[in-house]
Amino acid sequence: MSDKTPFDRLPTLATRGAIHVVVESPAGSRNKYKYDPKLGLFRLNRVLPYEASFPFDYGFAPGTRSGDDDPLDVVLLAEAPTFSGCVVR
């Protein structure tokens, strides 16, 4: 049995010119969630101040790595918020 989760097996490229995005924190939420690849779960990382919330869905591009060894961050512009763990092309 593989120790990888479905998010770890998800390719970065969805189709030509499109990538997969895994949503961590949805628009309108004050909760900052972060994907924990060791557990394959989303953890509550912190709560934003009362006046603040995420204006857009925020997540990552699977299969990528930035300078801090985390996946590349993505801001997803959508008409309505999704949910943590939602995969969007």
PDB file of N, CA and C in Angstrom:
ATOM      1  N   MET A   1       0.844  -1.188   0.000  1.00  0.00           N
ATOM      2  CA  MET A   1       0.000   0.000   0.000  1.00  0.00           C
ATOM      3  C   MET A   1       0.880   1.240   0.000  1.00  0.00           C
ATOM      4  N   SER A   2       0.554   2.206  -0.830  1.00  0.00           N
ATOM      5  CA  SER A   2       1.322   3.435  -0.927  1.00  0.00           C
ATOM      6  C   SER A   2       1.053   4.319   0.286  1.00  0.00           C
ATOM      7  N   ASP A   3       2.096   5.028   0.747  1.00  0.00           N
ATOM      8  CA  ASP A   3       1.917   5.931   1.864  1.00  0.00           C
ATOM      9  C   ASP A   3       1.526   7.329   1.395  1.00  0.00           C
ATOM     10  N   LYS A   4       1.302   7.491   0.108  1.00  0.00           N
ATOM     11  CA  LYS A   4       0.890   8.792  -0.427  1.00  0.00           C
ATOM     12  C   LYS A   4      -0.621   8.935  -0.361  1.00  0.00           C
ATOM     13  N   THR A   5      -1.053  10.190  -0.176  1.00  0.00           N
ATOM     14  CA  THR A   5      -2.478  10.498  -0.154  1.00  0.00           C
ATOM     15  C   THR A   5      -2.922  10.874  -1.566  1.00  0.00           C
ATOM     16  N   PRO A   6      -4.212  10.955  -1.826  1.00  0.00           N
ATOM     17  CA  PRO A   6      -4.676  11.377  -3.155  1.00  0.00           C
ATOM     18  C   PRO A   6      -4.122  12.745  -3.574  1.00  0.00           C
ATOM     19  N   PHE A   7      -3.962  13.676  -2.634  1.00  0.00           N
ATOM     20  CA  PHE A   7      -3.412  14.989  -2.978  1.00  0.00           C
ATOM     21  C   PHE A   7      -1.957  14.880  -3.420  1.00  0.00           C
ATOM     22  N   ASP A   8      -1.214  13.945  -2.823  1.00  0.00           N
ATOM     23  CA  ASP A   8       0.188  13.746  -3.198  1.00  0.00           C
ATOM     24  C   ASP A   8       0.309  13.106  -4.575  1.00  0.00           C
ATOM     25  N   ARG A   9      -0.689  12.356  -4.986  1.00  0.00           N
ATOM     26  CA  ARG A   9      -0.659  11.691  -6.298  1.00  0.00           C
ATOM     27  C   ARG A   9      -1.267  12.553  -7.400  1.00  0.00           C
ATOM     28  N   LEU A  10      -1.913  13.648  -7.023  1.00  0.00           N
ATOM     29  CA  LEU A  10      -2.572  14.520  -7.987  1.00  0.00           C
ATOM     30  C   LEU A  10      -1.524  15.249  -8.823  1.00  0.00           C
ATOM     31  N   PRO A  11      -1.602  15.147 -10.153  1.00  0.00           N
ATOM     32  CA  PRO A  11      -0.614  15.844 -10.983  1.00  0.00           C
ATOM     33  C   PRO A  11      -0.839  17.359 -10.945  1.00  0.00           C
ATOM     34  N   THR A  12       0.241  18.098 -11.137  1.00  0.00           N
ATOM     35  CA  THR A  12       0.136  19.553 -11.176  1.00  0.00           C
ATOM     36  C   THR A  12      -0.712  19.995 -12.360  1.00  0.00           C
ATOM     37  N   LEU A  13      -0.406  19.461 -13.534  1.00  0.00           N
ATOM     38  CA  LEU A  13      -1.128  19.855 -14.740  1.00  0.00           C
ATOM     39  C   LEU A  13      -2.431  19.086 -14.862  1.00  0.00           C
ATOM     40  N   ALA A  14      -3.523  19.820 -15.062  1.00  0.00           N
ATOM     41  CA  ALA A  14      -4.828  19.195 -15.241  1.00  0.00           C
ATOM     42  C   ALA A  14      -5.056  18.918 -16.722  1.00  0.00           C
ATOM     43  N   THR A  15      -4.932  19.944 -17.525  1.00  0.00           N
ATOM     44  CA  THR A  15      -5.045  19.862 -18.977  1.00  0.00           C
ATOM     45  C   THR A  15      -4.087  20.899 -19.533  1.00  0.00           C
ATOM     46  N   ARG A  16      -3.944  20.920 -20.799  1.00  0.00           N
ATOM     47  CA  ARG A  16      -3.047  21.906 -21.402  1.00  0.00           C
ATOM     48  C   ARG A  16      -3.490  23.320 -21.008  1.00  0.00           C
ATOM     49  N   GLY A  17      -2.599  24.042 -20.358  1.00  0.00           N
ATOM     50  CA  GLY A  17      -2.898  25.408 -19.946  1.00  0.00           C
ATOM     51  C   GLY A  17      -3.640  25.529 -18.629  1.00  0.00           C
ATOM     52  N   ALA A  18      -3.902  24.444 -17.940  1.00  0.00           N
ATOM     53  CA  ALA A  18      -4.619  24.489 -16.659  1.00  0.00           C
ATOM     54  C   ALA A  18      -3.887  23.638 -15.620  1.00  0.00           C
ATOM     55  N   ILE A  19      -3.944  24.071 -14.381  1.00  0.00           N
ATOM     56  CA  ILE A  19      -3.352  23.311 -13.287  1.00  0.00           C
ATOM     57  C   ILE A  19      -4.441  22.889 -12.306  1.00  0.00           C
ATOM     58  N   HIS A  20      -4.102  21.918 -11.468  1.00  0.00           N
ATOM     59  CA  HIS A  20      -4.963  21.569 -10.345  1.00  0.00           C
ATOM     60  C   HIS A  20      -4.614  22.492  -9.182  1.00  0.00           C
ATOM     61  N   VAL A  21      -5.636  22.905  -8.448  1.00  0.00           N
ATOM     62  CA  VAL A  21      -5.462  23.682  -7.226  1.00  0.00           C
ATOM     63  C   VAL A  21      -6.197  22.950  -6.112  1.00  0.00           C
ATOM     64  N   VAL A  22      -5.534  22.762  -4.982  1.00  0.00           N
ATOM     65  CA  VAL A  22      -6.165  22.183  -3.802  1.00  0.00           C
ATOM     66  C   VAL A  22      -6.449  23.344  -2.855  1.00  0.00           C
ATOM     67  N   VAL A  23      -7.715  23.569  -2.556  1.00  0.00           N
ATOM     68  CA  VAL A  23      -8.118  24.680  -1.692  1.00  0.00           C
ATOM     69  C   VAL A  23      -7.828  24.320  -0.243  1.00  0.00           C
ATOM     70  N   GLU A  24      -7.162  25.246   0.439  1.00  0.00           N
ATOM     71  CA  GLU A  24      -6.916  25.076   1.873  1.00  0.00           C
ATOM     72  C   GLU A  24      -7.881  25.951   2.678  1.00  0.00           C
ATOM     73  N   SER A  25      -7.950  27.230   2.358  1.00  0.00           N
ATOM     74  CA  SER A  25      -8.808  28.167   3.096  1.00  0.00           C
ATOM     75  C   SER A  25      -9.777  28.831   2.124  1.00  0.00           C
ATOM     76  N   PRO A  26     -11.080  28.640   2.306  1.00  0.00           N
ATOM     77  CA  PRO A  26     -12.058  29.213   1.380  1.00  0.00           C
ATOM     78  C   PRO A  26     -12.286  30.703   1.602  1.00  0.00           C
ATOM     79  N   ALA A  27     -12.772  31.370   0.575  1.00  0.00           N
ATOM     80  CA  ALA A  27     -13.117  32.784   0.655  1.00  0.00           C
ATOM     81  C   ALA A  27     -14.138  33.006   1.765  1.00  0.00           C
ATOM     82  N   GLY A  28     -13.954  34.105   2.496  1.00  0.00           N
ATOM     83  CA  GLY A  28     -14.884  34.449   3.562  1.00  0.00           C
ATOM     84  C   GLY A  28     -14.531  33.848   4.906  1.00  0.00           C
ATOM     85  N   SER A  29     -13.610  32.899   4.940  1.00  0.00           N
ATOM     86  CA  SER A  29     -13.233  32.234   6.187  1.00  0.00           C
ATOM     87  C   SER A  29     -12.188  33.046   6.937  1.00  0.00           C
ATOM     88  N   ARG A  30     -12.239  33.004   8.246  1.00  0.00           N
ATOM     89  CA  ARG A  30     -11.174  33.572   9.078  1.00  0.00           C
ATOM     90  C   ARG A  30     -10.172  32.495   9.455  1.00  0.00           C
ATOM     91  N   ASN A  31     -10.520  31.249   9.213  1.00  0.00           N
ATOM     92  CA  ASN A  31      -9.637  30.134   9.559  1.00  0.00           C
ATOM     93  C   ASN A  31      -8.618  29.885   8.460  1.00  0.00           C
ATOM     94  N   LYS A  32      -7.338  29.815   8.841  1.00  0.00           N
ATOM     95  CA  LYS A  32      -6.256  29.488   7.910  1.00  0.00           C
ATOM     96  C   LYS A  32      -5.938  28.015   8.104  1.00  0.00           C
ATOM     97  N   TYR A  33      -6.309  27.208   7.115  1.00  0.00           N
ATOM     98  CA  TYR A  33      -6.016  25.776   7.157  1.00  0.00           C
ATOM     99  C   TYR A  33      -4.758  25.511   6.345  1.00  0.00           C
ATOM    100  N   LYS A  34      -4.043  24.472   6.725  1.00  0.00           N
ATOM    101  CA  LYS A  34      -2.842  24.077   6.004  1.00  0.00           C
ATOM    102  C   LYS A  34      -2.868  22.565   5.852  1.00  0.00           C
ATOM    103  N   TYR A  35      -2.566  22.111   4.647  1.00  0.00           N
ATOM    104  CA  TYR A  35      -2.519  20.672   4.379  1.00  0.00           C
ATOM    105  C   TYR A  35      -1.283  20.086   5.030  1.00  0.00           C
ATOM    106  N   ASP A  36      -1.451  19.004   5.773  1.00  0.00           N
ATOM    107  CA  ASP A  36      -0.342  18.287   6.410  1.00  0.00           C
ATOM    108  C   ASP A  36      -0.106  17.007   5.620  1.00  0.00           C
ATOM    109  N   PRO A  37       0.931  16.976   4.760  1.00  0.00           N
ATOM    110  CA  PRO A  37       1.138  15.809   3.906  1.00  0.00           C
ATOM    111  C   PRO A  37       1.499  14.541   4.674  1.00  0.00           C
ATOM    112  N   LYS A  38       2.060  14.671   5.870  1.00  0.00           N
ATOM    113  CA  LYS A  38       2.401  13.480   6.661  1.00  0.00           C
ATOM    114  C   LYS A  38       1.143  12.749   7.128  1.00  0.00           C
ATOM    115  N   LEU A  39       0.111  13.517   7.438  1.00  0.00           N
ATOM    116  CA  LEU A  39      -1.156  12.930   7.889  1.00  0.00           C
ATOM    117  C   LEU A  39      -2.172  12.783   6.763  1.00  0.00           C
ATOM    118  N   GLY A  40      -1.986  13.562   5.686  1.00  0.00           N
ATOM    119  CA  GLY A  40      -2.966  13.553   4.610  1.00  0.00           C
ATOM    120  C   GLY A  40      -4.247  14.260   5.014  1.00  0.00           C
ATOM    121  N   LEU A  41      -4.135  15.231   5.940  1.00  0.00           N
ATOM    122  CA  LEU A  41      -5.286  15.956   6.477  1.00  0.00           C
ATOM    123  C   LEU A  41      -5.034  17.450   6.444  1.00  0.00           C
ATOM    124  N   PHE A  42      -6.090  18.221   6.632  1.00  0.00           N
ATOM    125  CA  PHE A  42      -5.980  19.663   6.743  1.00  0.00           C
ATOM    126  C   PHE A  42      -6.033  20.023   8.226  1.00  0.00           C
ATOM    127  N   ARG A  43      -5.086  20.869   8.643  1.00  0.00           N
ATOM    128  CA  ARG A  43      -5.014  21.303  10.037  1.00  0.00           C
ATOM    129  C   ARG A  43      -5.368  22.788  10.126  1.00  0.00           C
ATOM    130  N   LEU A  44      -5.974  23.164  11.242  1.00  0.00           N
ATOM    131  CA  LEU A  44      -6.186  24.573  11.513  1.00  0.00           C
ATOM    132  C   LEU A  44      -4.834  25.159  11.887  1.00  0.00           C
ATOM    133  N   ASN A  45      -4.339  26.087  11.092  1.00  0.00           N
ATOM    134  CA  ASN A  45      -3.022  26.695  11.310  1.00  0.00           C
ATOM    135  C   ASN A  45      -3.133  27.901  12.230  1.00  0.00           C
ATOM    136  N   ARG A  46      -4.142  28.738  11.995  1.00  0.00           N
ATOM    137  CA  ARG A  46      -4.383  29.909  12.838  1.00  0.00           C
ATOM    138  C   ARG A  46      -5.736  30.518  12.449  1.00  0.00           C
ATOM    139  N   VAL A  47      -6.184  31.466  13.284  1.00  0.00           N
ATOM    140  CA  VAL A  47      -7.424  32.201  13.002  1.00  0.00           C
ATOM    141  C   VAL A  47      -7.030  33.658  12.765  1.00  0.00           C
ATOM    142  N   LEU A  48      -7.527  34.216  11.673  1.00  0.00           N
ATOM    143  CA  LEU A  48      -7.244  35.606  11.354  1.00  0.00           C
ATOM    144  C   LEU A  48      -7.958  36.526  12.346  1.00  0.00           C
ATOM    145  N   PRO A  49      -7.474  37.764  12.509  1.00  0.00           N
ATOM    146  CA  PRO A  49      -8.149  38.719  13.396  1.00  0.00           C
ATOM    147  C   PRO A  49      -9.616  38.902  13.008  1.00  0.00           C
ATOM    148  N   TYR A  50     -10.415  39.351  13.945  1.00  0.00           N
ATOM    149  CA  TYR A  50     -11.858  39.467  13.769  1.00  0.00           C
ATOM    150  C   TYR A  50     -12.254  40.219  12.503  1.00  0.00           C
ATOM    151  N   GLU A  51     -11.540  41.281  12.179  1.00  0.00           N
ATOM    152  CA  GLU A  51     -11.900  42.122  11.034  1.00  0.00           C
ATOM    153  C   GLU A  51     -11.474  41.510   9.705  1.00  0.00           C
ATOM    154  N   ALA A  52     -10.630  40.507   9.717  1.00  0.00           N
ATOM    155  CA  ALA A  52     -10.036  39.970   8.490  1.00  0.00           C
ATOM    156  C   ALA A  52     -10.675  38.646   8.081  1.00  0.00           C
ATOM    157  N   SER A  53     -10.660  38.405   6.784  1.00  0.00           N
ATOM    158  CA  SER A  53     -11.063  37.108   6.244  1.00  0.00           C
ATOM    159  C   SER A  53     -10.402  36.964   4.883  1.00  0.00           C
ATOM    160  N   PHE A  54     -10.363  35.764   4.377  1.00  0.00           N
ATOM    161  CA  PHE A  54      -9.777  35.525   3.066  1.00  0.00           C
ATOM    162  C   PHE A  54     -10.726  36.057   1.997  1.00  0.00           C
ATOM    163  N   PRO A  55     -10.251  36.969   1.127  1.00  0.00           N
ATOM    164  CA  PRO A  55     -11.126  37.518   0.096  1.00  0.00           C
ATOM    165  C   PRO A  55     -11.382  36.548  -1.057  1.00  0.00           C
ATOM    166  N   PHE A  56     -10.500  35.574  -1.219  1.00  0.00           N
ATOM    167  CA  PHE A  56     -10.612  34.567  -2.273  1.00  0.00           C
ATOM    168  C   PHE A  56     -10.229  33.215  -1.692  1.00  0.00           C
ATOM    169  N   ASP A  57     -10.539  32.140  -2.418  1.00  0.00           N
ATOM    170  CA  ASP A  57     -10.052  30.827  -2.013  1.00  0.00           C
ATOM    171  C   ASP A  57      -8.532  30.824  -2.114  1.00  0.00           C
ATOM    172  N   TYR A  58      -7.890  30.183  -1.154  1.00  0.00           N
ATOM    173  CA  TYR A  58      -6.439  30.149  -1.072  1.00  0.00           C
ATOM    174  C   TYR A  58      -6.027  28.687  -0.962  1.00  0.00           C
ATOM    175  N   GLY A  59      -5.033  28.286  -1.736  1.00  0.00           N
ATOM    176  CA  GLY A  59      -4.600  26.898  -1.689  1.00  0.00           C
ATOM    177  C   GLY A  59      -3.220  26.712  -2.271  1.00  0.00           C
ATOM    178  N   PHE A  60      -2.993  25.541  -2.866  1.00  0.00           N
ATOM    179  CA  PHE A  60      -1.669  25.233  -3.397  1.00  0.00           C
ATOM    180  C   PHE A  60      -1.774  24.412  -4.669  1.00  0.00           C
ATOM    181  N   ALA A  61      -0.673  24.433  -5.434  1.00  0.00           N
ATOM    182  CA  ALA A  61      -0.564  23.617  -6.643  1.00  0.00           C
ATOM    183  C   ALA A  61       0.170  22.333  -6.269  1.00  0.00           C
ATOM    184  N   PRO A  62      -0.489  21.183  -6.347  1.00  0.00           N
ATOM    185  CA  PRO A  62       0.159  19.929  -5.943  1.00  0.00           C
ATOM    186  C   PRO A  62       1.337  19.601  -6.853  1.00  0.00           C
ATOM    187  N   GLY A  63       2.320  18.936  -6.276  1.00  0.00           N
ATOM    188  CA  GLY A  63       3.478  18.497  -7.054  1.00  0.00           C
ATOM    189  C   GLY A  63       4.483  19.600  -7.332  1.00  0.00           C
ATOM    190  N   THR A  64       4.321  20.764  -6.697  1.00  0.00           N
ATOM    191  CA  THR A  64       5.265  21.864  -6.882  1.00  0.00           C
ATOM    192  C   THR A  64       6.002  22.116  -5.578  1.00  0.00           C
ATOM    193  N   ARG A  65       7.123  22.813  -5.670  1.00  0.00           N
ATOM    194  CA  ARG A  65       7.885  23.185  -4.471  1.00  0.00           C
ATOM    195  C   ARG A  65       8.454  24.583  -4.658  1.00  0.00           C
ATOM    196  N   SER A  66       8.342  25.406  -3.622  1.00  0.00           N
ATOM    197  CA  SER A  66       8.924  26.748  -3.658  1.00  0.00           C
ATOM    198  C   SER A  66      10.225  26.732  -2.863  1.00  0.00           C
ATOM    199  N   GLY A  67      10.821  27.896  -2.662  1.00  0.00           N
ATOM    200  CA  GLY A  67      12.091  27.995  -1.954  1.00  0.00           C
ATOM    201  C   GLY A  67      12.040  27.503  -0.523  1.00  0.00           C
ATOM    202  N   ASP A  68      10.866  27.568   0.126  1.00  0.00           N
ATOM    203  CA  ASP A  68      10.738  27.095   1.511  1.00  0.00           C
ATOM    204  C   ASP A  68      10.313  25.627   1.576  1.00  0.00           C
ATOM    205  N   ASP A  69      10.332  24.949   0.435  1.00  0.00           N
ATOM    206  CA  ASP A  69       9.982  23.528   0.286  1.00  0.00           C
ATOM    207  C   ASP A  69       8.489  23.239   0.469  1.00  0.00           C
ATOM    208  N   ASP A  70       7.669  24.286   0.539  1.00  0.00           N
ATOM    209  CA  ASP A  70       6.215  24.111   0.550  1.00  0.00           C
ATOM    210  C   ASP A  70       5.716  24.163  -0.891  1.00  0.00           C
ATOM    211  N   PRO A  71       4.540  23.603  -1.160  1.00  0.00           N
ATOM    212  CA  PRO A  71       3.964  23.756  -2.503  1.00  0.00           C
ATOM    213  C   PRO A  71       3.718  25.228  -2.816  1.00  0.00           C
ATOM    214  N   LEU A  72       3.697  25.554  -4.097  1.00  0.00           N
ATOM    215  CA  LEU A  72       3.431  26.928  -4.514  1.00  0.00           C
ATOM    216  C   LEU A  72       2.025  27.346  -4.104  1.00  0.00           C
ATOM    217  N   ASP A  73       1.912  28.545  -3.550  1.00  0.00           N
ATOM    218  CA  ASP A  73       0.620  29.095  -3.139  1.00  0.00           C
ATOM    219  C   ASP A  73      -0.179  29.530  -4.356  1.00  0.00           C
ATOM    220  N   VAL A  74      -1.494  29.413  -4.244  1.00  0.00           N
ATOM    221  CA  VAL A  74      -2.395  29.826  -5.318  1.00  0.00           C
ATOM    222  C   VAL A  74      -3.562  30.585  -4.710  1.00  0.00           C
ATOM    223  N   VAL A  75      -3.903  31.717  -5.313  1.00  0.00           N
ATOM    224  CA  VAL A  75      -5.136  32.433  -4.996  1.00  0.00           C
ATOM    225  C   VAL A  75      -6.106  32.106  -6.118  1.00  0.00           C
ATOM    226  N   LEU A  76      -7.240  31.545  -5.768  1.00  0.00           N
ATOM    227  CA  LEU A  76      -8.216  31.085  -6.748  1.00  0.00           C
ATOM    228  C   LEU A  76      -9.343  32.107  -6.861  1.00  0.00           C
ATOM    229  N   LEU A  77      -9.473  32.703  -8.026  1.00  0.00           N
ATOM    230  CA  LEU A  77     -10.537  33.677  -8.263  1.00  0.00           C
ATOM    231  C   LEU A  77     -11.769  32.924  -8.760  1.00  0.00           C
ATOM    232  N   ALA A  78     -12.794  32.892  -7.941  1.00  0.00           N
ATOM    233  CA  ALA A  78     -14.009  32.155  -8.278  1.00  0.00           C
ATOM    234  C   ALA A  78     -15.225  32.978  -7.874  1.00  0.00           C
ATOM    235  N   GLU A  79     -16.373  32.644  -8.434  1.00  0.00           N
ATOM    236  CA  GLU A  79     -17.597  33.385  -8.140  1.00  0.00           C
ATOM    237  C   GLU A  79     -18.155  33.084  -6.750  1.00  0.00           C
ATOM    238  N   ALA A  80     -17.855  31.908  -6.240  1.00  0.00           N
ATOM    239  CA  ALA A  80     -18.361  31.519  -4.924  1.00  0.00           C
ATOM    240  C   ALA A  80     -17.288  30.706  -4.214  1.00  0.00           C
ATOM    241  N   PRO A  81     -17.256  30.753  -2.882  1.00  0.00           N
ATOM    242  CA  PRO A  81     -16.251  29.987  -2.155  1.00  0.00           C
ATOM    243  C   PRO A  81     -16.466  28.486  -2.309  1.00  0.00           C
ATOM    244  N   THR A  82     -15.379  27.739  -2.217  1.00  0.00           N
ATOM    245  CA  THR A  82     -15.459  26.280  -2.237  1.00  0.00           C
ATOM    246  C   THR A  82     -15.294  25.779  -0.801  1.00  0.00           C
ATOM    247  N   PHE A  83     -14.440  24.810  -0.556  1.00  0.00           N
ATOM    248  CA  PHE A  83     -14.230  24.279   0.787  1.00  0.00           C
ATOM    249  C   PHE A  83     -12.831  23.684   0.864  1.00  0.00           C
ATOM    250  N   SER A  84     -12.325  23.511   2.063  1.00  0.00           N
ATOM    251  CA  SER A  84     -11.010  22.914   2.257  1.00  0.00           C
ATOM    252  C   SER A  84     -10.982  21.505   1.683  1.00  0.00           C
ATOM    253  N   GLY A  85      -9.966  21.248   0.853  1.00  0.00           N
ATOM    254  CA  GLY A  85      -9.838  19.933   0.238  1.00  0.00           C
ATOM    255  C   GLY A  85     -10.444  19.851  -1.150  1.00  0.00           C
ATOM    256  N   CYS A  86     -11.156  20.880  -1.563  1.00  0.00           N
ATOM    257  CA  CYS A  86     -11.758  20.884  -2.896  1.00  0.00           C
ATOM    258  C   CYS A  86     -10.647  21.005  -3.939  1.00  0.00           C
ATOM    259  N   VAL A  87     -10.714  20.190  -4.975  1.00  0.00           N
ATOM    260  CA  VAL A  87      -9.756  20.262  -6.084  1.00  0.00           C
ATOM    261  C   VAL A  87     -10.430  20.985  -7.232  1.00  0.00           C
ATOM    262  N   VAL A  88      -9.776  22.049  -7.714  1.00  0.00           N
ATOM    263  CA  VAL A  88     -10.319  22.868  -8.791  1.00  0.00           C
ATOM    264  C   VAL A  88      -9.318  22.852  -9.948  1.00  0.00           C
ATOM    265  N   ARG A  89      -9.830  22.757 -11.146  1.00  0.00           N
ATOM    266  CA  ARG A  89      -8.973  22.808 -12.334  1.00  0.00           C
ATOM    267  C   ARG A  89      -8.984  24.216 -12.885  1.00  0.00           C
TER     268      ARG A  89
END
